Amino acid sequence: VGSEMCIRDSDEAIAQSLITDEDAALFLKVHEAIDPYRPAEGMGEGMGLTDDARKAMQRGFVAQAVAAGTVTQVDADRFTAIHDLLIEKGIMARFEGGEGDAPAEADEAGDAAA
């Protein structure tokens, strides 16, 4: 997921009062720090995975960043909580185009365009 998508995810979460501006800044900072541990763009990461599998994959990336010293454990824990919340609320599934557990209303715009 590119930084543009992360910004969109965090902006949506702020708009829904799910996270604070500070949470969004931390989310973007940690997401940037874990980028070296993620598959190359276009590798299909996240596509067709269950929400639990997506969460587990992200935890692996974060653990690598903590082990490398680029992310603190405190920041990693908060990032993981935010990341899980975005998945649970359907924000990441909606914007990533994943099958996930996006709420039905997330698909209404697409249905109207058909």
C-alpha atoms as a PDB file:
ATOM      1  CA  VAL A   1       0.000   0.000   0.000  1.00  0.00           C
ATOM      2  CA  GLY A   2       1.514   3.282  -1.067  1.00  0.00           C
ATOM      3  CA  SER A   3       1.710   6.343   1.127  1.00  0.00           C
ATOM      4  CA  GLU A   4      -1.171   7.966  -0.778  1.00  0.00           C
ATOM      5  CA  MET A   5      -3.415   5.072   0.216  1.00  0.00           C
ATOM      6  CA  CYS A   6      -2.202   5.240   3.832  1.00  0.00           C
ATOM      7  CA  ILE A   7      -3.058   8.932   3.937  1.00  0.00           C
ATOM      8  CA  ARG A   8      -6.518   8.201   2.543  1.00  0.00           C
ATOM      9  CA  ASP A   9      -7.031   5.428   5.121  1.00  0.00           C
ATOM     10  CA  SER A  10      -5.965   7.639   8.017  1.00  0.00           C
ATOM     11  CA  ASP A  11      -7.995  10.626   6.760  1.00  0.00           C
ATOM     12  CA  GLU A  12     -11.091   8.413   6.577  1.00  0.00           C
ATOM     13  CA  ALA A  13     -10.441   7.118  10.100  1.00  0.00           C
ATOM     14  CA  ILE A  14     -10.098  10.691  11.401  1.00  0.00           C
ATOM     15  CA  ALA A  15     -13.314  11.699   9.605  1.00  0.00           C
ATOM     16  CA  GLN A  16     -15.094   8.817  11.342  1.00  0.00           C
ATOM     17  CA  SER A  17     -13.572   9.867  14.712  1.00  0.00           C
ATOM     18  CA  LEU A  18     -11.841   6.495  15.021  1.00  0.00           C
ATOM     19  CA  ILE A  19      -8.330   7.923  15.491  1.00  0.00           C
ATOM     20  CA  THR A  20      -6.741  11.259  16.335  1.00  0.00           C
ATOM     21  CA  ASP A  21      -4.442  13.403  14.210  1.00  0.00           C
ATOM     22  CA  GLU A  22      -1.563  12.139  16.368  1.00  0.00           C
ATOM     23  CA  ASP A  23      -2.580   8.538  15.667  1.00  0.00           C
ATOM     24  CA  ALA A  24      -2.662   9.295  11.944  1.00  0.00           C
ATOM     25  CA  ALA A  25       0.828  10.823  12.062  1.00  0.00           C
ATOM     26  CA  LEU A  26       2.151   7.777  13.916  1.00  0.00           C
ATOM     27  CA  PHE A  27       0.416   5.415  11.475  1.00  0.00           C
ATOM     28  CA  LEU A  28       2.057   7.138   8.499  1.00  0.00           C
ATOM     29  CA  LYS A  29       5.473   7.282  10.202  1.00  0.00           C
ATOM     30  CA  VAL A  30       5.486   3.580  11.083  1.00  0.00           C
ATOM     31  CA  HIS A  31       4.036   2.592   7.710  1.00  0.00           C
ATOM     32  CA  GLU A  32       6.955   4.369   6.036  1.00  0.00           C
ATOM     33  CA  ALA A  33       9.413   2.603   8.372  1.00  0.00           C
ATOM     34  CA  ILE A  34       8.049  -0.851   7.490  1.00  0.00           C
ATOM     35  CA  ASP A  35       8.024  -0.289   3.714  1.00  0.00           C
ATOM     36  CA  PRO A  36      11.428  -1.982   3.245  1.00  0.00           C
ATOM     37  CA  TYR A  37       9.981  -5.178   4.743  1.00  0.00           C
ATOM     38  CA  ARG A  38       6.902  -5.287   2.505  1.00  0.00           C
ATOM     39  CA  PRO A  39       6.709  -7.061  -0.870  1.00  0.00           C
ATOM     40  CA  ALA A  40       7.423  -4.979  -3.951  1.00  0.00           C
ATOM     41  CA  GLU A  41       4.449  -2.997  -5.207  1.00  0.00           C
ATOM     42  CA  GLY A  42       2.363  -4.995  -7.620  1.00  0.00           C
ATOM     43  CA  MET A  43       3.111  -8.294  -5.879  1.00  0.00           C
ATOM     44  CA  GLY A  44      -0.545  -8.601  -4.875  1.00  0.00           C
ATOM     45  CA  GLU A  45       0.112  -8.240  -1.164  1.00  0.00           C
ATOM     46  CA  GLY A  46      -3.169  -8.134   0.697  1.00  0.00           C
ATOM     47  CA  MET A  47      -5.286  -9.252  -2.243  1.00  0.00           C
ATOM     48  CA  GLY A  48      -7.587 -12.133  -1.479  1.00  0.00           C
ATOM     49  CA  LEU A  49      -6.302 -12.571   2.070  1.00  0.00           C
ATOM     50  CA  THR A  50      -8.601 -12.820   5.048  1.00  0.00           C
ATOM     51  CA  ASP A  51      -8.553  -9.964   7.511  1.00  0.00           C
ATOM     52  CA  ASP A  52      -6.723 -12.170  10.035  1.00  0.00           C
ATOM     53  CA  ALA A  53      -4.062 -13.040   7.454  1.00  0.00           C
ATOM     54  CA  ARG A  54      -3.613  -9.360   6.575  1.00  0.00           C
ATOM     55  CA  LYS A  55      -3.210  -8.505  10.264  1.00  0.00           C
ATOM     56  CA  ALA A  56      -0.661 -11.291  10.751  1.00  0.00           C
ATOM     57  CA  MET A  57       1.323 -10.186   7.698  1.00  0.00           C
ATOM     58  CA  GLN A  58       1.458  -6.596   8.942  1.00  0.00           C
ATOM     59  CA  ARG A  59       2.578  -7.762  12.394  1.00  0.00           C
ATOM     60  CA  GLY A  60       5.483  -9.549  10.724  1.00  0.00           C
ATOM     61  CA  PHE A  61       6.567  -6.383   8.925  1.00  0.00           C
ATOM     62  CA  VAL A  62       6.322  -4.362  12.138  1.00  0.00           C
ATOM     63  CA  ALA A  63       8.294  -6.959  14.107  1.00  0.00           C
ATOM     64  CA  GLN A  64      11.107  -6.714  11.550  1.00  0.00           C
ATOM     65  CA  ALA A  65      11.191  -2.919  11.919  1.00  0.00           C
ATOM     66  CA  VAL A  66      11.287  -3.224  15.724  1.00  0.00           C
ATOM     67  CA  ALA A  67      14.118  -5.779  15.504  1.00  0.00           C
ATOM     68  CA  ALA A  68      16.026  -3.426  13.198  1.00  0.00           C
ATOM     69  CA  GLY A  69      15.541  -0.545  15.644  1.00  0.00           C
ATOM     70  CA  THR A  70      13.648   1.672  13.194  1.00  0.00           C
ATOM     71  CA  VAL A  71      10.404   1.489  15.189  1.00  0.00           C
ATOM     72  CA  THR A  72       9.957   1.393  18.974  1.00  0.00           C
ATOM     73  CA  GLN A  73       7.816  -1.320  20.518  1.00  0.00           C
ATOM     74  CA  VAL A  74       5.439   1.334  21.883  1.00  0.00           C
ATOM     75  CA  ASP A  75       4.944   2.813  18.396  1.00  0.00           C
ATOM     76  CA  ALA A  76       4.631  -0.679  16.923  1.00  0.00           C
ATOM     77  CA  ASP A  77       1.890  -1.590  19.392  1.00  0.00           C
ATOM     78  CA  ARG A  78      -0.100   1.578  18.662  1.00  0.00           C
ATOM     79  CA  PHE A  79       0.387   1.156  14.907  1.00  0.00           C
ATOM     80  CA  THR A  80      -0.890  -2.419  15.122  1.00  0.00           C
ATOM     81  CA  ALA A  81      -3.967  -1.304  17.055  1.00  0.00           C
ATOM     82  CA  ILE A  82      -4.692   1.395  14.447  1.00  0.00           C
ATOM     83  CA  HIS A  83      -4.043  -0.982  11.542  1.00  0.00           C
ATOM     84  CA  ASP A  84      -6.370  -3.610  13.026  1.00  0.00           C
ATOM     85  CA  LEU A  85      -9.064  -0.986  13.623  1.00  0.00           C
ATOM     86  CA  LEU A  86      -8.884   0.196   9.997  1.00  0.00           C
ATOM     87  CA  ILE A  87      -9.315  -3.373   8.805  1.00  0.00           C
ATOM     88  CA  GLU A  88     -12.128  -4.115  11.273  1.00  0.00           C
ATOM     89  CA  LYS A  89     -14.019  -0.980  10.231  1.00  0.00           C
ATOM     90  CA  GLY A  90     -13.631  -1.863   6.549  1.00  0.00           C
ATOM     91  CA  ILE A  91     -11.563   1.196   5.703  1.00  0.00           C
ATOM     92  CA  MET A  92      -8.510  -0.668   4.423  1.00  0.00           C
ATOM     93  CA  ALA A  93     -10.546  -3.306   2.578  1.00  0.00           C
ATOM     94  CA  ARG A  94     -12.534  -0.595   0.826  1.00  0.00           C
ATOM     95  CA  PHE A  95      -9.510   1.366  -0.374  1.00  0.00           C
ATOM     96  CA  GLU A  96      -7.260  -1.615  -1.087  1.00  0.00           C
ATOM     97  CA  GLY A  97      -9.929  -3.299  -3.150  1.00  0.00           C
ATOM     98  CA  GLY A  98      -9.536  -6.386  -0.989  1.00  0.00           C
ATOM     99  CA  GLU A  99     -12.301  -8.901  -0.547  1.00  0.00           C
ATOM    100  CA  GLY A 100     -11.975  -8.468   3.218  1.00  0.00           C
ATOM    101  CA  ASP A 101     -14.844  -7.672   5.467  1.00  0.00           C
ATOM    102  CA  ALA A 102     -15.728  -4.248   4.095  1.00  0.00           C
ATOM    103  CA  PRO A 103     -19.155  -3.031   5.126  1.00  0.00           C
ATOM    104  CA  ALA A 104     -21.898  -3.346   2.508  1.00  0.00           C
ATOM    105  CA  GLU A 105     -22.248   0.427   2.190  1.00  0.00           C
ATOM    106  CA  ALA A 106     -18.650   0.567   0.930  1.00  0.00           C
ATOM    107  CA  ASP A 107     -19.814  -1.206  -2.220  1.00  0.00           C
ATOM    108  CA  GLU A 108     -22.898   0.929  -2.941  1.00  0.00           C
ATOM    109  CA  ALA A 109     -21.017   3.481  -5.051  1.00  0.00           C
ATOM    110  CA  GLY A 110     -19.638   0.703  -7.209  1.00  0.00           C
ATOM    111  CA  ASP A 111     -23.094  -0.840  -7.601  1.00  0.00           C
ATOM    112  CA  ALA A 112     -24.572   2.493  -8.641  1.00  0.00           C
ATOM    113  CA  ALA A 113     -21.939   2.909 -11.351  1.00  0.00           C
ATOM    114  CA  ALA A 114     -22.768  -0.472 -12.890  1.00  0.00           C
END
